[in-house]
Amino acid sequence: MNILHINQSDTGGGAGIAGYRLHQGLLAQGVNSRLLVGSAKNSNDRVATVPTTKRRMENQLYRFTGRFGLNYIHLFSSFDIPQHSFYQQADVLNFHNLHTGFFNYLAIPALTESKPAVFTLHDMWSFTGHCAYSYDCDRWKSGCGKCPYPNIYPAIARDNTSLEWKLKNWVYSRSHLTIVTLSHWLTEQVQQSMLNQLPIHCIPNGIDTEAYQPLDPQKCRSLLGILPNQKVLMFASQSLQDTRKGSDLLLLALQSLPESLKAETVLITIGDGGEAISQSVGMGNLNLGYVSGDRLKCIAYSAADLFIFPTRADNLPLVLQESMACGTPIVSFKIGGVPDLVRPGVTGYLASPENAQDFCNGIVQLLEDRQQRDLMGENCRAIILEEYPLELQAQRYIELYRQLYQN
């Protein structure tokens, strides 16, 4: 069976990494998997980029469509995908993240006319009038329009969210799609959306439990130059200044920590901007910058006492799975799909959304109770091994692919 994934990137961004991990999991079980992506970071015969033969014409057209708040319908190159050998050899398509400027969703009906397709949803964009996360807005349930958040990614120059919502609804009514969600929260959202007429399956992302596993904390701290008696917090985001990831809430929470606790604590950050957070708080900092390697991330997670994640909107964050696989408990907010992973008293602490003081209380409570942290760390690893191994995710997808291919 030949599977073609269409995604924003092979290993760029959360959806790109998640899609590539699934690709690797399928290959490990003998499935012929390939990727057609917007931007490729790996050079091999299983990864190719989406055709861009009409780029000049597309750029000219975007001057018109972009002005009217329609982000991706100028990308006519998407209609050339059926000419690509990867598409022609595929038995089943698997769409992933389609909203980073490489794909025209109007092409979905043509691409699925002769091939069954899975659409894996990494956020809410597929059923909204433009946004990847709607926060407290639920206009997507009835047709969008009068958008309260036009500047939320992907931003729009003009509010035509009602029109984009109708275009997406028209596309799905003419497409052969099966929806896969990653979390219970997103499943509930999809069931209330324009996609609720399509088959819906919840298959969470899997993780390589060999690449991510608990390492000796003291050895990891030594490698990172952290003293054995220091307490260690860790925060990671592609951009630490991303308001969706809650860096401002993290700053408020860390500022509220007791001075004695701050004095003995180091903050490990992955991403750009970590130094600014720790300097504002008056806390030791080790900023690792952008890290793509699994080994270094595993060392950082294993060195940390807690992984702290003050997100405002998320589906099933990969960093939480990585932290749990390394046996590191988590403090986060009760948001989106986070509760699937962060289970109060079991794998971490869930604070009330937007409540920085509650978040701070969670940090203090767990930092001061090593016995509880150790037990939570064991629970984290056990839950990942039972519920989220990459092999299980791949098996679930293979079963779904076979059902679609045989029908």
Protein backbone atom coordinates (compact mmCIF):
# COMPACT_ATOMS: atom_id res chain seq x y z
CA MET A 1 0.00 0.00 0.00
CA ASN A 2 1.36 3.42 -1.03
CA ILE A 3 0.62 6.43 1.17
CA LEU A 4 1.24 10.05 0.20
CA HIS A 5 1.33 12.70 2.94
CA ILE A 6 0.71 16.31 1.88
CA ASN A 7 1.99 18.65 4.56
CA GLN A 8 3.54 22.05 5.23
CA SER A 9 7.03 20.59 5.68
CA ASP A 10 8.79 17.33 6.35
CA THR A 11 10.32 18.36 9.69
CA GLY A 12 9.50 22.06 10.05
CA GLY A 13 6.94 23.09 12.68
CA GLY A 14 4.86 20.90 14.95
CA ALA A 15 2.61 19.53 12.21
CA GLY A 16 5.64 18.84 10.01
CA ILE A 17 7.44 16.94 12.77
CA ALA A 18 4.28 15.00 13.64
CA GLY A 19 3.69 14.05 10.02
CA TYR A 20 7.28 12.95 9.56
CA ARG A 21 7.16 10.80 12.68
CA LEU A 22 4.05 9.07 11.33
CA HIS A 23 5.84 8.60 8.01
CA GLN A 24 8.75 6.93 9.83
CA GLY A 25 6.36 4.77 11.84
CA LEU A 26 4.67 3.57 8.65
CA LEU A 27 8.00 2.77 7.00
CA ALA A 28 9.01 0.73 10.05
CA GLN A 29 5.91 -1.42 9.53
CA GLY A 30 6.55 -1.99 5.85
CA VAL A 31 4.20 0.63 4.40
CA ASN A 32 5.47 2.58 1.40
CA SER A 33 5.13 6.17 2.63
CA ARG A 34 6.14 9.40 0.84
CA LEU A 35 5.80 13.12 1.54
CA LEU A 36 4.87 16.02 -0.75
CA VAL A 37 5.51 19.20 1.20
CA GLY A 38 5.67 22.96 0.99
CA SER A 39 9.26 23.14 2.22
CA ALA A 40 11.68 20.22 2.55
CA LYS A 41 14.52 20.08 5.05
CA ASN A 42 15.56 16.52 4.20
CA SER A 43 16.99 15.39 0.91
CA ASN A 44 15.91 11.86 0.04
CA ASP A 45 13.85 10.02 -2.52
CA ARG A 46 10.77 9.88 -0.26
CA VAL A 47 10.39 13.65 0.12
CA ALA A 48 9.48 16.12 -2.62
CA THR A 49 8.12 19.66 -2.76
CA VAL A 50 4.74 20.69 -4.15
CA PRO A 51 5.00 21.97 -7.76
CA THR A 52 5.53 25.74 -8.07
CA THR A 53 5.46 26.17 -11.84
CA LYS A 54 2.92 28.97 -11.70
CA ARG A 55 4.57 31.07 -8.98
CA ARG A 56 4.76 34.32 -10.96
CA MET A 57 1.08 34.17 -11.90
CA GLU A 58 0.18 33.16 -8.35
CA ASN A 59 2.03 36.14 -6.89
CA GLN A 60 0.17 38.51 -9.20
CA LEU A 61 -3.16 36.94 -8.32
CA TYR A 62 -2.40 37.17 -4.58
CA ARG A 63 -2.23 40.95 -4.89
CA PHE A 64 -5.98 40.74 -5.46
CA THR A 65 -7.07 37.78 -3.33
CA GLY A 66 -4.85 38.72 -0.37
CA ARG A 67 -6.30 42.21 -0.31
CA PHE A 68 -9.72 40.62 0.12
CA GLY A 69 -8.64 38.37 2.98
CA LEU A 70 -8.54 35.12 0.99
CA ASN A 71 -5.16 33.67 1.81
CA TYR A 72 -4.54 30.59 -0.32
CA ILE A 73 -6.92 30.38 -3.27
CA HIS A 74 -4.32 31.97 -5.58
CA LEU A 75 -2.12 28.85 -5.42
CA PHE A 76 -3.09 27.21 -8.71
CA SER A 77 -0.01 24.96 -8.61
CA SER A 78 -1.95 22.68 -6.26
CA PHE A 79 -4.01 21.55 -9.25
CA ASP A 80 -0.79 20.20 -10.81
CA ILE A 81 -0.25 17.69 -7.99
CA PRO A 82 -1.99 14.85 -9.92
CA GLN A 83 0.83 15.07 -12.46
CA HIS A 84 3.44 14.27 -9.80
CA SER A 85 4.68 10.68 -9.68
CA PHE A 86 4.17 10.53 -5.90
CA TYR A 87 0.47 11.25 -6.39
CA GLN A 88 0.10 8.87 -9.31
CA GLN A 89 1.63 5.98 -7.34
CA ALA A 90 -0.37 6.66 -4.15
CA ASP A 91 -3.22 4.42 -3.06
CA VAL A 92 -4.32 6.71 -0.21
CA LEU A 93 -3.67 10.41 0.44
CA ASN A 94 -3.11 11.88 3.89
CA PHE A 95 -3.51 15.65 4.15
CA HIS A 96 -1.99 17.34 7.18
CA ASN A 97 -1.38 21.06 7.75
CA LEU A 98 -2.55 22.92 4.62
CA HIS A 99 -2.38 26.55 5.75
CA THR A 100 1.21 27.75 5.50
CA GLY A 101 1.06 29.20 1.99
CA PHE A 102 1.87 26.15 -0.13
CA PHE A 103 -1.56 24.66 -0.90
CA ASN A 104 -4.94 25.70 -2.30
CA TYR A 105 -7.75 23.97 -0.44
CA LEU A 106 -9.98 24.39 -3.51
CA ALA A 107 -7.94 21.57 -5.09
CA ILE A 108 -9.08 18.97 -2.55
CA PRO A 109 -12.12 17.76 -4.57
CA ALA A 110 -9.97 17.12 -7.65
CA LEU A 111 -7.27 15.36 -5.64
CA THR A 112 -9.75 13.08 -3.87
CA GLU A 113 -11.90 12.30 -6.90
CA SER A 114 -10.06 9.07 -7.68
CA LYS A 115 -8.14 8.45 -4.42
CA PRO A 116 -9.45 8.10 -0.86
CA ALA A 117 -7.99 10.60 1.57
CA VAL A 118 -7.44 11.13 5.27
CA PHE A 119 -7.33 14.68 6.59
CA THR A 120 -5.34 14.81 9.85
CA LEU A 121 -6.25 17.98 11.73
CA HIS A 122 -3.43 19.58 13.70
CA ASP A 123 -5.55 22.61 14.68
CA MET A 124 -8.92 24.25 13.90
CA TRP A 125 -8.10 25.92 10.56
CA SER A 126 -9.91 23.34 8.41
CA PHE A 127 -13.35 24.41 9.67
CA THR A 128 -12.93 28.14 10.47
CA GLY A 129 -13.12 31.23 8.30
CA HIS A 130 -9.36 31.79 8.57
CA CYS A 131 -7.86 31.10 12.01
CA ALA A 132 -5.90 28.13 13.29
CA TYR A 133 -7.33 28.65 16.80
CA SER A 134 -10.51 30.58 17.55
CA TYR A 135 -9.97 31.06 21.30
CA ASP A 136 -13.32 32.15 22.77
CA CYS A 137 -15.01 32.74 19.40
CA ASP A 138 -17.46 30.09 18.17
CA ARG A 139 -18.69 31.78 14.98
CA TRP A 140 -17.19 28.87 13.02
CA LYS A 141 -20.13 26.76 14.19
CA SER A 142 -22.60 28.83 12.16
CA GLY A 143 -20.64 30.45 9.32
CA CYS A 144 -18.09 32.98 10.66
CA GLY A 145 -18.23 36.63 9.59
CA LYS A 146 -17.54 39.72 11.74
CA CYS A 147 -14.29 38.09 12.86
CA PRO A 148 -13.14 39.33 16.28
CA TYR A 149 -9.55 38.18 15.66
CA PRO A 150 -8.49 39.08 12.09
CA ASN A 151 -4.83 39.34 13.14
CA ILE A 152 -4.63 35.84 14.57
CA TYR A 153 -2.59 33.47 12.43
CA PRO A 154 -3.09 33.20 9.54
CA ALA A 155 -3.92 36.91 9.57
CA ILE A 156 -6.28 38.44 7.03
CA ALA A 157 -6.24 41.91 5.46
CA ARG A 158 -10.04 42.06 5.18
CA ASP A 159 -12.85 40.19 6.90
CA ASN A 160 -14.13 37.74 4.31
CA THR A 161 -14.28 34.91 6.83
CA SER A 162 -17.90 34.16 5.95
CA LEU A 163 -16.91 33.62 2.32
CA GLU A 164 -13.91 31.43 3.21
CA TRP A 165 -16.12 29.38 5.54
CA LYS A 166 -18.59 28.83 2.70
CA LEU A 167 -15.78 27.91 0.28
CA LYS A 168 -14.43 25.30 2.68
CA ASN A 169 -17.90 23.90 3.24
CA TRP A 170 -18.39 23.67 -0.53
CA VAL A 171 -15.02 21.91 -0.89
CA TYR A 172 -15.79 19.27 1.72
CA SER A 173 -19.23 18.55 0.25
CA ARG A 174 -17.47 17.57 -2.99
CA SER A 175 -14.53 15.67 -1.51
CA HIS A 176 -13.92 12.10 -0.36
CA LEU A 177 -12.40 12.65 3.06
CA THR A 178 -12.08 10.88 6.39
CA ILE A 179 -11.18 13.12 9.30
CA VAL A 180 -8.58 12.24 11.93
CA THR A 181 -8.32 14.31 15.08
CA LEU A 182 -5.50 14.15 17.61
CA SER A 183 -7.32 14.91 20.86
CA HIS A 184 -10.68 14.53 22.54
CA TRP A 185 -11.07 18.31 22.56
CA LEU A 186 -10.60 18.66 18.80
CA THR A 187 -12.94 15.73 18.21
CA GLU A 188 -15.65 17.63 20.08
CA GLN A 189 -14.97 20.76 18.02
CA VAL A 190 -15.15 18.86 14.73
CA GLN A 191 -18.45 17.27 15.74
CA GLN A 192 -19.90 20.79 16.00
CA SER A 193 -18.39 22.00 12.72
CA MET A 194 -19.04 21.76 8.99
CA LEU A 195 -16.98 18.54 9.02
CA ASN A 196 -19.49 16.66 11.17
CA GLN A 197 -21.00 14.95 8.09
CA LEU A 198 -17.71 13.14 7.43
CA PRO A 199 -16.31 10.04 9.21
CA ILE A 200 -14.28 11.13 12.25
CA HIS A 201 -11.56 9.11 13.99
CA CYS A 202 -9.43 10.17 16.97
CA ILE A 203 -5.85 8.92 16.56
CA PRO A 204 -3.34 10.82 18.72
CA ASN A 205 0.21 11.40 17.60
CA GLY A 206 2.73 8.78 18.60
CA ILE A 207 6.29 9.21 19.80
CA ASP A 208 9.47 7.16 19.47
CA THR A 209 9.90 5.89 23.01
CA GLU A 210 13.49 4.85 22.32
CA ALA A 211 14.54 8.30 21.11
CA TYR A 212 12.70 9.90 24.04
CA GLN A 213 13.29 8.09 27.31
CA PRO A 214 14.40 9.02 30.83
CA LEU A 215 18.13 9.63 31.16
CA ASP A 216 20.17 10.05 34.34
CA PRO A 217 19.19 13.56 35.57
CA GLN A 218 22.52 14.33 37.22
CA LYS A 219 24.52 13.30 34.16
CA CYS A 220 22.25 15.44 31.98
CA ARG A 221 22.68 18.42 34.31
CA SER A 222 26.42 17.96 34.25
CA LEU A 223 26.42 17.97 30.46
CA LEU A 224 24.42 21.22 30.49
CA GLY A 225 26.55 22.87 33.17
CA ILE A 226 23.80 22.88 35.81
CA LEU A 227 24.72 22.35 39.48
CA PRO A 228 23.40 19.14 41.10
CA ASN A 229 21.46 20.95 43.86
CA GLN A 230 19.68 23.45 41.61
CA LYS A 231 16.00 23.15 40.76
CA VAL A 232 15.34 23.10 37.03
CA LEU A 233 12.35 24.30 35.03
CA MET A 234 12.04 23.94 31.27
CA PHE A 235 10.00 25.79 28.65
CA ALA A 236 10.06 25.21 24.90
CA SER A 237 8.37 26.87 21.93
CA GLN A 238 9.34 27.51 18.33
CA SER A 239 9.04 31.20 19.22
CA LEU A 240 9.13 32.10 22.88
CA GLN A 241 7.50 35.44 22.01
CA ASP A 242 4.40 33.76 20.53
CA THR A 243 1.45 35.06 22.58
CA ARG A 244 -0.43 31.81 21.92
CA LYS A 245 2.27 29.95 23.83
CA GLY A 246 1.77 32.29 26.81
CA SER A 247 5.24 33.72 27.40
CA ASP A 248 3.63 36.74 29.11
CA LEU A 249 1.74 34.42 31.47
CA LEU A 250 4.95 32.51 32.14
CA LEU A 251 6.69 35.76 33.03
CA LEU A 252 3.94 36.68 35.50
CA ALA A 253 4.00 33.21 37.05
CA LEU A 254 7.77 33.13 37.47
CA GLN A 255 7.81 36.66 38.93
CA SER A 256 5.37 35.43 41.58
CA LEU A 257 7.66 32.63 42.75
CA PRO A 258 9.19 33.07 46.23
CA GLU A 259 12.55 34.82 46.00
CA SER A 260 14.26 31.94 47.80
CA LEU A 261 12.94 29.50 45.18
CA LYS A 262 13.97 31.72 42.26
CA ALA A 263 17.48 31.97 43.66
CA GLU A 264 18.00 28.21 43.46
CA THR A 265 16.19 27.61 40.17
CA VAL A 266 17.45 27.51 36.58
CA LEU A 267 15.17 27.93 33.56
CA ILE A 268 16.08 25.89 30.47
CA THR A 269 14.54 27.36 27.32
CA ILE A 270 14.37 26.02 23.79
CA GLY A 271 13.53 28.63 21.17
CA ASP A 272 14.35 32.30 20.68
CA GLY A 273 13.95 34.82 23.50
CA GLY A 274 14.49 32.75 26.62
CA GLU A 275 17.12 35.08 28.06
CA ALA A 276 14.65 37.98 28.18
CA ILE A 277 12.21 35.96 30.28
CA SER A 278 14.78 34.83 32.84
CA GLN A 279 16.42 38.27 33.08
CA SER A 280 13.05 39.87 33.79
CA VAL A 281 12.42 37.34 36.54
CA GLY A 282 15.89 37.33 38.04
CA MET A 283 16.46 33.64 37.53
CA GLY A 284 19.34 31.61 36.13
CA ASN A 285 18.86 30.71 32.48
CA LEU A 286 20.20 28.23 29.96
CA ASN A 287 18.87 29.04 26.49
CA LEU A 288 19.57 26.24 24.00
CA GLY A 289 18.07 28.15 21.07
CA TYR A 290 16.40 26.19 18.29
CA VAL A 291 16.99 22.47 18.82
CA SER A 292 16.04 19.89 16.19
CA GLY A 293 18.00 16.92 17.50
CA ASP A 294 16.11 14.39 19.61
CA ARG A 295 19.13 13.60 21.77
CA LEU A 296 19.73 17.13 23.02
CA LYS A 297 16.03 17.63 23.68
CA CYS A 298 15.96 14.35 25.61
CA ILE A 299 18.90 15.52 27.73
CA ALA A 300 17.15 18.81 28.49
CA TYR A 301 13.86 17.14 29.46
CA SER A 302 15.69 14.64 31.66
CA ALA A 303 17.62 17.42 33.39
CA ALA A 304 14.41 19.29 34.27
CA ASP A 305 12.34 18.82 37.39
CA LEU A 306 9.28 20.23 35.62
CA PHE A 307 8.27 21.15 32.10
CA ILE A 308 6.16 24.33 32.21
CA PHE A 309 3.81 25.10 29.34
CA PRO A 310 1.56 28.18 29.72
CA THR A 311 -0.29 27.77 26.42
CA ARG A 312 -3.45 29.69 25.52
CA ALA A 313 -4.54 27.35 22.69
CA ASP A 314 -3.24 23.95 21.61
CA ASN A 315 -4.31 20.60 20.24
CA LEU A 316 -1.97 17.81 21.39
CA PRO A 317 1.43 19.49 21.86
CA LEU A 318 4.40 17.34 20.85
CA VAL A 319 6.57 18.88 23.58
CA LEU A 320 4.24 17.49 26.25
CA GLN A 321 4.54 13.99 24.82
CA GLU A 322 8.32 14.39 24.66
CA SER A 323 8.49 15.58 28.26
CA MET A 324 6.31 12.71 29.49
CA ALA A 325 8.33 10.15 27.54
CA CYS A 326 11.41 11.41 29.39
CA GLY A 327 9.61 11.07 32.74
CA THR A 328 9.27 14.80 33.41
CA PRO A 329 5.98 16.06 34.97
CA ILE A 330 4.23 19.12 33.53
CA VAL A 331 2.54 22.30 34.71
CA SER A 332 0.14 23.71 32.12
CA PHE A 333 -3.32 25.21 31.65
CA LYS A 334 -6.61 23.37 31.18
CA ILE A 335 -6.75 24.27 27.50
CA GLY A 336 -7.64 22.36 24.33
CA GLY A 337 -6.11 18.89 24.14
CA VAL A 338 -3.64 19.49 26.98
CA PRO A 339 -5.79 17.55 29.55
CA ASP A 340 -5.41 14.40 27.42
CA LEU A 341 -1.78 14.40 28.55
CA VAL A 342 -1.53 16.51 31.69
CA ARG A 343 -3.71 14.66 34.19
CA PRO A 344 -3.97 16.43 37.58
CA GLY A 345 -2.21 14.56 40.35
CA VAL A 346 -1.08 11.89 37.88
CA THR A 347 1.25 13.47 35.29
CA GLY A 348 1.25 17.09 36.43
CA TYR A 349 -0.72 20.17 37.43
CA LEU A 350 -3.47 21.88 35.40
CA ALA A 351 -4.04 25.54 36.20
CA SER A 352 -7.15 27.53 35.32
CA PRO A 353 -6.77 29.23 31.91
CA GLU A 354 -5.09 32.66 32.00
CA ASN A 355 -4.53 32.34 35.76
CA ALA A 356 -0.81 33.03 36.20
CA GLN A 357 -1.03 32.78 40.00
CA ASP A 358 -2.58 29.31 39.80
CA PHE A 359 0.19 28.35 37.36
CA CYS A 360 2.76 29.66 39.86
CA ASN A 361 1.10 27.67 42.65
CA GLY A 362 1.45 24.51 40.57
CA ILE A 363 5.16 25.13 40.06
CA VAL A 364 5.74 25.74 43.77
CA GLN A 365 3.69 22.72 44.83
CA LEU A 366 5.57 20.29 42.62
CA LEU A 367 9.03 21.78 43.04
CA GLU A 368 8.70 21.42 46.81
CA ASP A 369 7.47 17.82 46.72
CA ARG A 370 10.12 15.58 45.19
CA GLN A 371 8.28 12.39 46.13
CA GLN A 372 5.20 13.52 44.20
CA ARG A 373 7.34 14.58 41.22
CA ASP A 374 9.07 11.22 41.12
CA LEU A 375 5.74 9.37 41.17
CA MET A 376 4.36 11.64 38.45
CA GLY A 377 7.47 11.04 36.38
CA GLU A 378 6.90 7.29 36.54
CA ASN A 379 3.25 7.82 35.56
CA CYS A 380 4.29 9.99 32.62
CA ARG A 381 6.54 7.32 31.17
CA ALA A 382 4.02 4.52 31.76
CA ILE A 383 1.17 6.41 30.04
CA ILE A 384 3.32 7.23 27.02
CA LEU A 385 4.38 3.59 26.68
CA GLU A 386 0.79 2.38 26.92
CA GLU A 387 -1.17 5.03 25.01
CA TYR A 388 1.20 6.94 22.72
CA PRO A 389 3.95 4.75 21.24
CA LEU A 390 4.65 5.46 17.58
CA GLU A 391 4.01 1.82 16.70
CA LEU A 392 0.42 2.07 17.99
CA GLN A 393 -0.27 5.25 16.03
CA ALA A 394 1.09 3.68 12.84
CA GLN A 395 -1.03 0.55 13.33
CA ARG A 396 -4.18 2.61 13.75
CA TYR A 397 -3.47 4.56 10.58
CA ILE A 398 -2.66 1.41 8.62
CA GLU A 399 -5.99 -0.09 9.64
CA LEU A 400 -7.80 3.09 8.54
CA TYR A 401 -5.88 3.28 5.24
CA ARG A 402 -6.79 -0.34 4.46
CA GLN A 403 -10.47 0.28 5.15
CA LEU A 404 -10.48 3.24 2.78
CA TYR A 405 -8.47 1.50 0.08
CA GLN A 406 -10.64 -1.62 0.07
CA ASN A 407 -13.94 0.30 -0.07
